[in-house]
N, C-alpha and C. Protein backbone atom coordinates (compact mmCIF):
# COMPACT_ATOMS: atom_id res chain seq x y z
N MET A 1 14.75 -10.06 -18.65
CA MET A 1 14.28 -8.70 -18.95
C MET A 1 14.41 -8.44 -20.44
N THR A 2 13.66 -7.49 -20.95
CA THR A 2 13.69 -7.18 -22.37
C THR A 2 15.06 -6.68 -22.79
N ALA A 3 15.45 -7.04 -23.99
CA ALA A 3 16.76 -6.62 -24.48
C ALA A 3 16.90 -5.12 -24.43
N PRO A 4 18.13 -4.60 -24.13
CA PRO A 4 18.33 -3.16 -23.96
C PRO A 4 17.86 -2.33 -25.14
N GLY A 5 18.04 -2.84 -26.39
CA GLY A 5 17.63 -2.07 -27.55
C GLY A 5 16.15 -1.75 -27.58
N HIS A 6 15.38 -2.59 -26.91
CA HIS A 6 13.93 -2.39 -26.87
C HIS A 6 13.57 -1.04 -26.26
N PHE A 7 14.39 -0.56 -25.37
CA PHE A 7 14.06 0.66 -24.64
C PHE A 7 14.39 1.92 -25.42
N HIS A 8 14.97 1.76 -26.60
CA HIS A 8 15.17 2.92 -27.48
C HIS A 8 13.94 3.13 -28.36
N GLN A 9 13.02 2.17 -28.34
CA GLN A 9 11.82 2.26 -29.15
C GLN A 9 10.73 3.00 -28.38
N THR A 10 9.74 3.52 -29.13
CA THR A 10 8.60 4.13 -28.47
C THR A 10 7.68 3.05 -27.92
N ASP A 11 6.85 3.43 -26.98
CA ASP A 11 5.94 2.48 -26.32
C ASP A 11 4.55 3.11 -26.26
N PRO A 12 3.82 3.13 -27.40
CA PRO A 12 2.54 3.85 -27.45
C PRO A 12 1.54 3.37 -26.40
N SER A 13 1.39 2.06 -26.22
CA SER A 13 0.41 1.57 -25.26
C SER A 13 0.82 1.90 -23.83
N GLY A 14 2.11 1.75 -23.54
CA GLY A 14 2.59 2.09 -22.19
C GLY A 14 2.44 3.56 -21.90
N LEU A 15 2.74 4.40 -22.88
CA LEU A 15 2.61 5.84 -22.70
C LEU A 15 1.15 6.22 -22.49
N GLN A 16 0.26 5.60 -23.24
CA GLN A 16 -1.16 5.88 -23.10
C GLN A 16 -1.65 5.52 -21.70
N THR A 17 -1.17 4.38 -21.18
CA THR A 17 -1.55 3.97 -19.83
C THR A 17 -1.07 4.97 -18.80
N LEU A 18 0.18 5.42 -18.92
CA LEU A 18 0.73 6.39 -17.97
C LEU A 18 0.00 7.73 -18.06
N GLU A 19 -0.38 8.11 -19.26
CA GLU A 19 -1.11 9.36 -19.42
C GLU A 19 -2.50 9.28 -18.78
N ARG A 20 -3.11 8.12 -18.85
CA ARG A 20 -4.41 7.94 -18.19
C ARG A 20 -4.24 8.02 -16.67
N PHE A 21 -3.18 7.39 -16.17
CA PHE A 21 -2.93 7.47 -14.73
C PHE A 21 -2.61 8.89 -14.30
N ALA A 22 -2.00 9.66 -15.18
CA ALA A 22 -1.68 11.05 -14.85
C ALA A 22 -2.95 11.84 -14.55
N GLN A 23 -4.06 11.45 -15.17
CA GLN A 23 -5.33 12.13 -14.94
C GLN A 23 -5.99 11.69 -13.64
N ALA A 24 -5.52 10.58 -13.08
CA ALA A 24 -6.09 10.08 -11.82
C ALA A 24 -5.35 10.74 -10.66
N THR A 25 -5.57 12.02 -10.50
CA THR A 25 -4.78 12.81 -9.54
C THR A 25 -4.98 12.35 -8.10
N ARG A 26 -6.20 11.95 -7.74
CA ARG A 26 -6.44 11.49 -6.37
C ARG A 26 -5.72 10.17 -6.10
N PHE A 27 -5.74 9.30 -7.10
CA PHE A 27 -5.03 8.02 -6.94
C PHE A 27 -3.54 8.24 -6.77
N ASN A 28 -2.95 9.09 -7.60
CA ASN A 28 -1.52 9.36 -7.49
C ASN A 28 -1.18 9.98 -6.14
N ARG A 29 -2.07 10.85 -5.66
CA ARG A 29 -1.83 11.46 -4.36
C ARG A 29 -1.91 10.40 -3.26
N TRP A 30 -2.87 9.49 -3.38
CA TRP A 30 -3.00 8.42 -2.39
C TRP A 30 -1.76 7.53 -2.39
N MET A 31 -1.27 7.22 -3.57
CA MET A 31 -0.05 6.41 -3.68
C MET A 31 1.10 7.11 -2.96
N PHE A 32 1.26 8.39 -3.24
CA PHE A 32 2.37 9.12 -2.63
C PHE A 32 2.20 9.21 -1.12
N ASP A 33 0.99 9.54 -0.66
CA ASP A 33 0.76 9.66 0.78
C ASP A 33 0.99 8.34 1.50
N THR A 34 0.74 7.21 0.82
CA THR A 34 0.95 5.90 1.43
C THR A 34 2.42 5.62 1.67
N ILE A 35 3.27 6.01 0.75
CA ILE A 35 4.69 5.69 0.90
C ILE A 35 5.48 6.82 1.56
N ARG A 36 4.91 8.00 1.62
CA ARG A 36 5.66 9.15 2.13
C ARG A 36 6.28 8.94 3.52
N PRO A 37 5.57 8.31 4.48
CA PRO A 37 6.19 8.14 5.81
C PRO A 37 7.47 7.31 5.79
N PHE A 38 7.69 6.56 4.72
CA PHE A 38 8.85 5.68 4.65
C PHE A 38 9.95 6.24 3.77
N CYS A 39 9.76 7.45 3.28
CA CYS A 39 10.75 8.10 2.42
C CYS A 39 11.47 9.21 3.18
N LYS A 40 12.73 9.35 2.89
CA LYS A 40 13.52 10.38 3.58
C LYS A 40 14.67 10.80 2.67
N GLY A 41 15.15 12.01 2.90
CA GLY A 41 16.36 12.49 2.26
C GLY A 41 16.33 12.46 0.74
N HIS A 42 17.44 12.05 0.18
CA HIS A 42 17.61 11.98 -1.28
C HIS A 42 16.95 10.70 -1.77
N VAL A 43 15.94 10.85 -2.62
CA VAL A 43 15.14 9.72 -3.11
C VAL A 43 15.53 9.39 -4.55
N LEU A 44 15.77 8.11 -4.80
CA LEU A 44 15.88 7.62 -6.17
C LEU A 44 14.58 6.93 -6.53
N GLU A 45 13.91 7.42 -7.55
CA GLU A 45 12.70 6.78 -8.04
C GLU A 45 13.06 5.93 -9.25
N VAL A 46 12.92 4.62 -9.10
CA VAL A 46 13.21 3.69 -10.19
C VAL A 46 11.94 3.50 -11.02
N GLY A 47 12.03 3.67 -12.31
CA GLY A 47 10.84 3.53 -13.16
C GLY A 47 9.91 4.71 -13.01
N SER A 48 10.42 5.90 -13.22
CA SER A 48 9.62 7.12 -13.03
C SER A 48 8.54 7.29 -14.09
N GLY A 49 8.70 6.63 -15.23
CA GLY A 49 7.71 6.80 -16.30
C GLY A 49 7.67 8.24 -16.77
N ILE A 50 6.48 8.84 -16.77
CA ILE A 50 6.35 10.23 -17.20
C ILE A 50 6.25 11.18 -16.01
N GLY A 51 6.50 10.65 -14.81
CA GLY A 51 6.61 11.52 -13.65
C GLY A 51 5.35 11.69 -12.82
N ASN A 52 4.44 10.73 -12.89
CA ASN A 52 3.19 10.87 -12.13
C ASN A 52 3.41 10.98 -10.63
N LEU A 53 4.42 10.29 -10.11
CA LEU A 53 4.76 10.42 -8.68
C LEU A 53 5.95 11.34 -8.47
N SER A 54 6.79 11.47 -9.48
CA SER A 54 7.94 12.38 -9.36
C SER A 54 7.47 13.77 -8.98
N ARG A 55 6.37 14.17 -9.55
CA ARG A 55 5.81 15.49 -9.29
C ARG A 55 5.55 15.70 -7.80
N HIS A 56 5.02 14.68 -7.14
CA HIS A 56 4.69 14.80 -5.72
C HIS A 56 5.95 14.87 -4.87
N PHE A 57 6.95 14.09 -5.21
CA PHE A 57 8.21 14.16 -4.46
C PHE A 57 8.79 15.57 -4.52
N LEU A 58 8.77 16.16 -5.69
CA LEU A 58 9.34 17.49 -5.85
C LEU A 58 8.49 18.55 -5.17
N GLU A 59 7.18 18.42 -5.28
CA GLU A 59 6.28 19.38 -4.63
C GLU A 59 6.41 19.34 -3.11
N GLU A 60 6.76 18.15 -2.58
CA GLU A 60 6.90 17.99 -1.13
C GLU A 60 8.33 18.21 -0.67
N ASN A 61 9.15 18.81 -1.53
CA ASN A 61 10.51 19.24 -1.20
C ASN A 61 11.48 18.11 -0.93
N PHE A 62 11.23 16.93 -1.47
CA PHE A 62 12.24 15.87 -1.45
C PHE A 62 13.30 16.18 -2.50
N THR A 63 14.52 15.81 -2.21
CA THR A 63 15.56 15.82 -3.24
C THR A 63 15.39 14.54 -4.04
N LEU A 64 15.25 14.64 -5.36
CA LEU A 64 14.88 13.50 -6.18
C LEU A 64 15.85 13.27 -7.33
N THR A 65 16.19 12.01 -7.53
CA THR A 65 16.79 11.56 -8.77
C THR A 65 15.78 10.64 -9.44
N ALA A 66 15.33 11.00 -10.63
CA ALA A 66 14.37 10.18 -11.36
C ALA A 66 15.12 9.25 -12.30
N SER A 67 14.47 8.16 -12.68
CA SER A 67 15.12 7.24 -13.61
C SER A 67 14.09 6.43 -14.38
N ASP A 68 14.49 5.99 -15.55
CA ASP A 68 13.69 5.06 -16.33
C ASP A 68 14.61 4.44 -17.37
N LEU A 69 14.19 3.31 -17.92
CA LEU A 69 14.98 2.67 -18.96
C LEU A 69 14.61 3.17 -20.35
N ARG A 70 13.41 3.65 -20.52
CA ARG A 70 12.95 4.06 -21.85
C ARG A 70 13.40 5.48 -22.17
N ASP A 71 14.07 5.64 -23.30
CA ASP A 71 14.51 6.96 -23.74
C ASP A 71 13.32 7.91 -23.88
N GLU A 72 12.21 7.39 -24.36
CA GLU A 72 11.01 8.20 -24.55
C GLU A 72 10.57 8.86 -23.25
N TYR A 73 10.56 8.08 -22.17
CA TYR A 73 10.13 8.61 -20.87
C TYR A 73 11.18 9.54 -20.29
N ILE A 74 12.44 9.22 -20.49
CA ILE A 74 13.50 10.09 -19.99
C ILE A 74 13.40 11.47 -20.63
N ASN A 75 13.11 11.51 -21.91
CA ASN A 75 12.95 12.79 -22.61
C ASN A 75 11.76 13.57 -22.05
N ILE A 76 10.67 12.88 -21.75
CA ILE A 76 9.51 13.54 -21.16
C ILE A 76 9.84 14.09 -19.79
N LEU A 77 10.55 13.32 -19.00
CA LEU A 77 10.94 13.77 -17.66
C LEU A 77 11.82 15.01 -17.73
N HIS A 78 12.75 15.03 -18.67
CA HIS A 78 13.60 16.22 -18.84
C HIS A 78 12.75 17.44 -19.20
N GLY A 79 11.79 17.26 -20.09
CA GLY A 79 10.96 18.38 -20.49
C GLY A 79 10.07 18.88 -19.37
N GLU A 80 9.60 17.97 -18.53
CA GLU A 80 8.65 18.34 -17.48
C GLU A 80 9.34 18.86 -16.22
N PHE A 81 10.45 18.25 -15.84
CA PHE A 81 11.05 18.55 -14.53
C PHE A 81 12.53 18.95 -14.61
N GLY A 82 13.08 19.00 -15.81
CA GLY A 82 14.52 19.16 -15.95
C GLY A 82 15.11 20.38 -15.26
N LYS A 83 14.32 21.44 -15.10
CA LYS A 83 14.84 22.67 -14.49
C LYS A 83 14.43 22.83 -13.03
N HIS A 84 13.80 21.79 -12.47
CA HIS A 84 13.37 21.90 -11.07
C HIS A 84 14.58 21.90 -10.15
N PRO A 85 14.66 22.82 -9.21
CA PRO A 85 15.86 22.96 -8.37
C PRO A 85 16.12 21.75 -7.46
N ARG A 86 15.11 20.95 -7.16
CA ARG A 86 15.31 19.81 -6.27
C ARG A 86 15.52 18.50 -7.04
N LEU A 87 15.53 18.57 -8.34
CA LEU A 87 15.82 17.39 -9.16
C LEU A 87 17.32 17.30 -9.38
N LYS A 88 17.93 16.24 -8.85
CA LYS A 88 19.38 16.08 -8.94
C LYS A 88 19.82 15.48 -10.27
N GLY A 89 18.91 14.78 -10.94
CA GLY A 89 19.28 14.18 -12.21
C GLY A 89 18.21 13.22 -12.68
N ILE A 90 18.35 12.81 -13.94
CA ILE A 90 17.48 11.81 -14.53
C ILE A 90 18.38 10.76 -15.16
N ARG A 91 18.28 9.54 -14.69
CA ARG A 91 19.21 8.50 -15.07
C ARG A 91 18.51 7.34 -15.77
N SER A 92 19.28 6.60 -16.54
CA SER A 92 18.85 5.31 -17.06
C SER A 92 19.53 4.24 -16.22
N ILE A 93 18.73 3.45 -15.51
CA ILE A 93 19.28 2.45 -14.59
C ILE A 93 18.64 1.10 -14.89
N ASP A 94 19.47 0.09 -15.13
CA ASP A 94 19.00 -1.27 -15.41
C ASP A 94 19.34 -2.15 -14.20
N LEU A 95 18.32 -2.46 -13.42
CA LEU A 95 18.53 -3.23 -12.19
C LEU A 95 18.91 -4.68 -12.46
N ALA A 96 18.73 -5.16 -13.67
CA ALA A 96 18.97 -6.57 -13.96
C ALA A 96 20.39 -6.87 -14.41
N LEU A 97 21.22 -5.87 -14.58
CA LEU A 97 22.57 -6.10 -15.09
C LEU A 97 23.41 -6.91 -14.11
N PRO A 98 24.09 -7.95 -14.57
CA PRO A 98 24.95 -8.72 -13.67
C PRO A 98 26.19 -7.95 -13.22
N ASP A 99 26.61 -6.96 -14.04
CA ASP A 99 27.77 -6.13 -13.66
C ASP A 99 27.30 -4.79 -13.11
N PHE A 100 26.21 -4.81 -12.36
CA PHE A 100 25.58 -3.59 -11.86
C PHE A 100 26.56 -2.73 -11.07
N GLU A 101 27.35 -3.32 -10.20
CA GLU A 101 28.26 -2.55 -9.35
C GLU A 101 29.29 -1.81 -10.18
N GLN A 102 29.77 -2.44 -11.26
CA GLN A 102 30.76 -1.78 -12.11
C GLN A 102 30.10 -0.70 -12.95
N ARG A 103 28.91 -1.00 -13.48
CA ARG A 103 28.23 -0.07 -14.37
C ARG A 103 27.79 1.20 -13.64
N TYR A 104 27.37 1.04 -12.38
CA TYR A 104 26.82 2.17 -11.64
C TYR A 104 27.63 2.45 -10.37
N ALA A 105 28.94 2.32 -10.48
CA ALA A 105 29.81 2.49 -9.32
C ALA A 105 29.60 3.85 -8.65
N GLY A 106 29.33 4.87 -9.43
CA GLY A 106 29.16 6.21 -8.88
C GLY A 106 27.87 6.42 -8.12
N LEU A 107 26.94 5.46 -8.23
CA LEU A 107 25.65 5.59 -7.55
C LEU A 107 25.53 4.72 -6.30
N LEU A 108 26.50 3.86 -6.07
CA LEU A 108 26.41 2.94 -4.94
C LEU A 108 26.41 3.71 -3.62
N GLU A 109 25.51 3.30 -2.71
CA GLU A 109 25.37 3.92 -1.38
C GLU A 109 25.18 5.43 -1.49
N SER A 110 24.36 5.86 -2.44
CA SER A 110 24.17 7.30 -2.68
C SER A 110 22.83 7.84 -2.21
N PHE A 111 21.87 6.96 -1.92
CA PHE A 111 20.50 7.43 -1.70
C PHE A 111 19.97 7.03 -0.33
N ASP A 112 19.18 7.93 0.25
CA ASP A 112 18.53 7.65 1.52
C ASP A 112 17.31 6.76 1.34
N THR A 113 16.67 6.87 0.17
CA THR A 113 15.48 6.07 -0.15
C THR A 113 15.53 5.67 -1.61
N VAL A 114 15.20 4.42 -1.87
CA VAL A 114 14.99 3.95 -3.24
C VAL A 114 13.54 3.48 -3.34
N VAL A 115 12.82 4.03 -4.31
CA VAL A 115 11.40 3.71 -4.52
C VAL A 115 11.25 2.99 -5.85
N ALA A 116 10.62 1.81 -5.83
CA ALA A 116 10.37 1.06 -7.06
C ALA A 116 8.92 0.59 -7.04
N LEU A 117 8.04 1.38 -7.65
CA LEU A 117 6.61 1.08 -7.66
C LEU A 117 6.22 0.50 -9.02
N ASN A 118 5.67 -0.72 -8.99
CA ASN A 118 5.27 -1.41 -10.21
C ASN A 118 6.43 -1.55 -11.20
N VAL A 119 7.56 -1.95 -10.65
CA VAL A 119 8.77 -2.12 -11.46
C VAL A 119 9.29 -3.56 -11.40
N ILE A 120 9.45 -4.08 -10.19
CA ILE A 120 10.13 -5.36 -9.99
C ILE A 120 9.46 -6.50 -10.74
N GLU A 121 8.14 -6.48 -10.84
CA GLU A 121 7.42 -7.57 -11.50
C GLU A 121 7.70 -7.64 -13.00
N HIS A 122 8.29 -6.58 -13.56
CA HIS A 122 8.62 -6.56 -14.98
C HIS A 122 10.02 -7.13 -15.26
N ILE A 123 10.74 -7.49 -14.21
CA ILE A 123 12.12 -7.92 -14.35
C ILE A 123 12.22 -9.41 -14.04
N LYS A 124 12.66 -10.19 -15.02
CA LYS A 124 12.78 -11.64 -14.82
C LYS A 124 13.73 -11.95 -13.67
N GLU A 125 14.83 -11.22 -13.61
CA GLU A 125 15.83 -11.41 -12.55
C GLU A 125 15.45 -10.54 -11.36
N HIS A 126 14.23 -10.75 -10.84
CA HIS A 126 13.68 -9.83 -9.84
C HIS A 126 14.46 -9.86 -8.53
N GLU A 127 15.01 -11.01 -8.17
CA GLU A 127 15.78 -11.07 -6.93
C GLU A 127 17.07 -10.26 -7.06
N ARG A 128 17.71 -10.35 -8.23
CA ARG A 128 18.89 -9.53 -8.47
C ARG A 128 18.53 -8.05 -8.43
N ALA A 129 17.36 -7.70 -8.97
CA ALA A 129 16.94 -6.30 -8.98
C ALA A 129 16.80 -5.75 -7.57
N ILE A 130 16.18 -6.53 -6.67
CA ILE A 130 16.05 -6.10 -5.28
C ILE A 130 17.42 -5.93 -4.64
N ALA A 131 18.30 -6.89 -4.89
CA ALA A 131 19.64 -6.80 -4.32
C ALA A 131 20.38 -5.57 -4.83
N ASN A 132 20.21 -5.25 -6.11
CA ASN A 132 20.88 -4.08 -6.67
C ASN A 132 20.28 -2.78 -6.15
N CYS A 133 18.98 -2.78 -5.88
CA CYS A 133 18.38 -1.60 -5.23
C CYS A 133 19.07 -1.34 -3.89
N LYS A 134 19.28 -2.40 -3.14
CA LYS A 134 19.92 -2.28 -1.83
C LYS A 134 21.31 -1.67 -1.94
N LYS A 135 22.03 -2.00 -3.00
CA LYS A 135 23.39 -1.48 -3.17
C LYS A 135 23.41 0.03 -3.38
N LEU A 136 22.28 0.59 -3.80
CA LEU A 136 22.20 2.03 -4.04
C LEU A 136 21.91 2.82 -2.77
N LEU A 137 21.54 2.11 -1.70
CA LEU A 137 21.16 2.77 -0.45
C LEU A 137 22.35 3.10 0.43
N LYS A 138 22.27 4.24 1.07
CA LYS A 138 23.20 4.55 2.15
C LYS A 138 22.90 3.63 3.34
N PRO A 139 23.85 3.43 4.25
CA PRO A 139 23.53 2.68 5.47
C PRO A 139 22.34 3.33 6.19
N GLY A 140 21.36 2.51 6.56
CA GLY A 140 20.17 3.03 7.20
C GLY A 140 19.11 3.51 6.24
N GLY A 141 19.36 3.34 4.93
CA GLY A 141 18.40 3.80 3.93
C GLY A 141 17.19 2.89 3.84
N HIS A 142 16.15 3.38 3.15
CA HIS A 142 14.89 2.65 3.02
C HIS A 142 14.63 2.27 1.57
N LEU A 143 14.16 1.06 1.38
CA LEU A 143 13.71 0.60 0.07
C LEU A 143 12.20 0.40 0.12
N VAL A 144 11.49 1.07 -0.79
CA VAL A 144 10.03 0.99 -0.83
C VAL A 144 9.64 0.36 -2.17
N VAL A 145 8.92 -0.76 -2.11
CA VAL A 145 8.58 -1.54 -3.30
C VAL A 145 7.08 -1.77 -3.36
N LEU A 146 6.50 -1.60 -4.53
CA LEU A 146 5.11 -1.97 -4.78
C LEU A 146 5.10 -2.99 -5.90
N VAL A 147 4.48 -4.15 -5.65
CA VAL A 147 4.34 -5.19 -6.67
C VAL A 147 2.91 -5.72 -6.65
N PRO A 148 2.46 -6.33 -7.76
CA PRO A 148 1.12 -6.94 -7.75
C PRO A 148 1.10 -8.17 -6.85
N ALA A 149 0.02 -8.34 -6.13
CA ALA A 149 -0.06 -9.40 -5.14
C ALA A 149 -0.81 -10.62 -5.66
N PHE A 150 -0.53 -11.75 -4.99
CA PHE A 150 -1.27 -13.00 -5.13
C PHE A 150 -1.03 -13.67 -6.49
N GLN A 151 -0.07 -14.57 -6.51
CA GLN A 151 0.27 -15.30 -7.72
C GLN A 151 -0.93 -16.07 -8.27
N SER A 152 -1.85 -16.43 -7.40
CA SER A 152 -3.04 -17.16 -7.85
C SER A 152 -3.92 -16.32 -8.78
N LEU A 153 -3.72 -15.00 -8.77
CA LEU A 153 -4.49 -14.11 -9.63
C LEU A 153 -3.79 -13.82 -10.96
N TYR A 154 -2.59 -14.39 -11.14
CA TYR A 154 -1.85 -14.12 -12.38
C TYR A 154 -2.67 -14.55 -13.59
N ASN A 155 -2.75 -13.68 -14.61
CA ASN A 155 -3.61 -13.96 -15.75
C ASN A 155 -3.04 -13.34 -17.02
N SER A 156 -3.82 -13.41 -18.09
CA SER A 156 -3.37 -12.91 -19.39
C SER A 156 -3.12 -11.39 -19.37
N PHE A 157 -3.82 -10.69 -18.50
CA PHE A 157 -3.60 -9.25 -18.40
C PHE A 157 -2.20 -8.96 -17.86
N ASP A 158 -1.75 -9.78 -16.88
CA ASP A 158 -0.38 -9.64 -16.39
C ASP A 158 0.61 -9.87 -17.53
N GLU A 159 0.35 -10.88 -18.35
CA GLU A 159 1.24 -11.16 -19.47
C GLU A 159 1.30 -9.98 -20.44
N GLU A 160 0.15 -9.37 -20.70
CA GLU A 160 0.11 -8.23 -21.60
C GLU A 160 0.90 -7.05 -21.04
N LEU A 161 0.88 -6.92 -19.72
CA LEU A 161 1.61 -5.81 -19.07
C LEU A 161 3.09 -6.12 -18.91
N GLY A 162 3.50 -7.33 -19.23
CA GLY A 162 4.91 -7.69 -19.09
C GLY A 162 5.30 -8.11 -17.70
N HIS A 163 4.33 -8.58 -16.90
CA HIS A 163 4.63 -9.08 -15.56
C HIS A 163 5.15 -10.51 -15.64
N TRP A 164 6.25 -10.78 -14.96
CA TRP A 164 6.76 -12.14 -14.90
C TRP A 164 6.01 -12.97 -13.86
N LEU A 165 5.55 -12.31 -12.80
CA LEU A 165 4.84 -13.02 -11.73
C LEU A 165 4.18 -12.02 -10.82
N ARG A 166 3.34 -12.55 -9.91
CA ARG A 166 2.80 -11.79 -8.80
C ARG A 166 3.44 -12.32 -7.52
N TYR A 167 3.19 -11.64 -6.41
CA TYR A 167 3.93 -11.94 -5.19
C TYR A 167 3.00 -12.24 -4.02
N ASN A 168 3.42 -13.19 -3.22
CA ASN A 168 2.72 -13.52 -1.98
C ASN A 168 3.58 -13.09 -0.80
N ALA A 169 2.94 -12.58 0.24
CA ALA A 169 3.67 -12.13 1.43
C ALA A 169 4.21 -13.33 2.19
N LYS A 170 5.47 -13.19 2.63
CA LYS A 170 6.08 -14.20 3.49
C LYS A 170 6.70 -13.49 4.68
N LYS A 171 6.20 -13.73 5.83
CA LYS A 171 6.70 -13.09 7.03
C LYS A 171 6.99 -14.16 8.07
N PRO A 172 8.05 -13.96 8.91
CA PRO A 172 8.91 -12.78 8.96
C PRO A 172 10.16 -12.88 8.10
N GLU A 173 10.26 -13.92 7.26
CA GLU A 173 11.47 -14.11 6.48
C GLU A 173 11.67 -12.96 5.49
N PRO A 174 12.93 -12.53 5.28
CA PRO A 174 13.22 -11.51 4.27
C PRO A 174 13.10 -12.12 2.88
N PRO A 175 13.11 -11.29 1.83
CA PRO A 175 13.03 -11.81 0.48
C PRO A 175 14.17 -12.77 0.17
N ALA A 176 13.94 -13.66 -0.80
CA ALA A 176 14.96 -14.64 -1.16
C ALA A 176 16.24 -13.96 -1.64
N ALA A 177 16.10 -12.77 -2.18
CA ALA A 177 17.27 -12.05 -2.67
C ALA A 177 18.29 -11.83 -1.57
N VAL A 178 17.84 -11.70 -0.35
CA VAL A 178 18.75 -11.43 0.77
C VAL A 178 19.70 -12.58 0.95
N ALA A 179 19.17 -13.80 0.97
CA ALA A 179 20.01 -14.96 1.17
C ALA A 179 20.90 -15.22 -0.04
N GLU A 180 20.31 -15.09 -1.23
CA GLU A 180 21.04 -15.42 -2.44
C GLU A 180 22.21 -14.49 -2.69
N TYR A 181 22.04 -13.21 -2.36
CA TYR A 181 23.08 -12.25 -2.66
C TYR A 181 23.88 -11.84 -1.43
N GLY A 182 23.74 -12.59 -0.35
CA GLY A 182 24.65 -12.47 0.76
C GLY A 182 24.45 -11.27 1.65
N SER A 183 23.28 -10.68 1.69
CA SER A 183 23.06 -9.53 2.55
C SER A 183 22.85 -9.98 3.99
N THR A 184 23.44 -9.25 4.92
CA THR A 184 23.22 -9.54 6.34
C THR A 184 22.60 -8.34 7.04
N ALA A 185 22.22 -7.32 6.27
CA ALA A 185 21.73 -6.09 6.90
C ALA A 185 20.49 -5.56 6.20
N TYR A 186 19.57 -6.46 5.94
CA TYR A 186 18.38 -6.09 5.18
C TYR A 186 17.16 -6.62 5.92
N THR A 187 16.33 -5.74 6.40
CA THR A 187 15.21 -6.14 7.23
C THR A 187 13.89 -5.69 6.62
N VAL A 188 12.99 -6.63 6.36
CA VAL A 188 11.65 -6.26 5.92
C VAL A 188 10.86 -5.86 7.16
N PHE A 189 10.41 -4.60 7.23
CA PHE A 189 9.71 -4.19 8.43
C PHE A 189 8.22 -3.99 8.22
N GLN A 190 7.73 -4.09 7.01
CA GLN A 190 6.29 -4.12 6.81
C GLN A 190 5.98 -4.66 5.43
N CYS A 191 4.99 -5.53 5.35
CA CYS A 191 4.56 -6.09 4.08
C CYS A 191 3.05 -6.21 4.14
N ARG A 192 2.34 -5.56 3.21
CA ARG A 192 0.91 -5.46 3.32
C ARG A 192 0.25 -5.72 1.97
N GLY A 193 -0.79 -6.52 1.96
CA GLY A 193 -1.54 -6.77 0.74
C GLY A 193 -2.74 -5.87 0.65
N ASN A 194 -3.17 -5.62 -0.57
CA ASN A 194 -4.36 -4.82 -0.82
C ASN A 194 -5.23 -5.61 -1.78
N SER A 195 -6.24 -6.30 -1.27
CA SER A 195 -7.03 -7.19 -2.11
C SER A 195 -7.86 -6.45 -3.14
N ARG A 196 -8.25 -5.21 -2.85
CA ARG A 196 -9.06 -4.46 -3.80
C ARG A 196 -8.29 -4.15 -5.07
N MET A 197 -7.03 -3.80 -4.90
CA MET A 197 -6.24 -3.40 -6.05
C MET A 197 -5.33 -4.51 -6.54
N GLY A 198 -5.24 -5.60 -5.77
CA GLY A 198 -4.36 -6.68 -6.17
C GLY A 198 -2.91 -6.29 -6.14
N THR A 199 -2.57 -5.41 -5.22
CA THR A 199 -1.19 -4.98 -5.10
C THR A 199 -0.65 -5.33 -3.73
N GLN A 200 0.65 -5.27 -3.60
CA GLN A 200 1.28 -5.61 -2.33
C GLN A 200 2.42 -4.63 -2.08
N TRP A 201 2.37 -4.00 -0.91
CA TRP A 201 3.42 -3.06 -0.53
C TRP A 201 4.48 -3.79 0.27
N GLN A 202 5.73 -3.53 -0.06
CA GLN A 202 6.85 -3.99 0.76
C GLN A 202 7.66 -2.76 1.14
N ARG A 203 7.93 -2.64 2.42
CA ARG A 203 8.78 -1.55 2.86
C ARG A 203 9.93 -2.17 3.63
N ALA A 204 11.13 -1.88 3.19
CA ALA A 204 12.28 -2.53 3.81
C ALA A 204 13.30 -1.49 4.23
N ALA A 205 13.96 -1.75 5.33
CA ALA A 205 15.03 -0.87 5.81
C ALA A 205 16.35 -1.57 5.64
N GLN A 206 17.32 -0.93 5.01
CA GLN A 206 18.66 -1.45 4.90
C GLN A 206 19.48 -0.75 5.97
N THR A 207 19.81 -1.48 7.01
CA THR A 207 20.49 -0.87 8.14
C THR A 207 21.27 -1.91 8.90
N PRO A 208 22.43 -1.55 9.48
CA PRO A 208 23.17 -2.51 10.29
C PRO A 208 22.50 -2.78 11.63
N ASP A 209 21.56 -1.94 12.01
CA ASP A 209 20.86 -2.12 13.30
C ASP A 209 19.42 -2.50 12.99
N THR A 210 19.18 -3.80 12.82
CA THR A 210 17.87 -4.25 12.36
C THR A 210 16.81 -4.02 13.42
N THR A 211 17.16 -4.08 14.68
CA THR A 211 16.19 -3.84 15.76
C THR A 211 15.68 -2.41 15.71
N GLN A 212 16.59 -1.47 15.51
CA GLN A 212 16.20 -0.08 15.46
C GLN A 212 15.32 0.19 14.25
N ALA A 213 15.61 -0.48 13.12
CA ALA A 213 14.79 -0.30 11.93
C ALA A 213 13.36 -0.67 12.20
N ALA A 214 13.15 -1.75 12.91
CA ALA A 214 11.79 -2.19 13.23
C ALA A 214 11.11 -1.21 14.18
N ASN A 215 11.88 -0.69 15.13
CA ASN A 215 11.30 0.22 16.12
C ASN A 215 10.97 1.57 15.53
N ASP A 216 11.62 1.93 14.44
CA ASP A 216 11.39 3.23 13.83
C ASP A 216 10.07 3.29 13.08
N VAL A 217 9.44 2.17 12.82
CA VAL A 217 8.21 2.16 12.03
C VAL A 217 6.99 2.25 12.91
């Protein structure tokens, strides 16, 4: 992942992209409506950017903690949503840190849902990132992930966007992060590709009762 100091710098191209997406109101609504059935309770949004989806969580009365690594985006989020009564906080969270549990001890097992849309592909240590997302969930919590699909489509545009890779669906096996980081209570209950957009949705339930997690969907 990019060195921490990088996130204190401005990101003109990234900000411009997010501002363009902010104007795509129907697309943002579709994104939110797609993941909404899998979200519950207190939601942590990882990589909130300028709040294109944060807005929908708050409008739909979810309790939200927003987060991003870039100071620039965190400042924008404070200005846009800082006084919203359902916003619990805006945090800087680095999913790639090897000492994640020590650094974020106060956030462990704190959230009913963790949402990471178009985030994991930017992290070289992506398996560690997934495992650290799981550590933030309460028992029975949900992890919702969106990543670009089909490694065969990886190209120079991915490189420009800072993508380390694209992802192929593997079912019914859980992600490699589960085995590597010793999880015994992590069940992937839906994984779906979208060929038109080149994206792939992963919805996972972190629960000690894996059978019930599957039945709940």
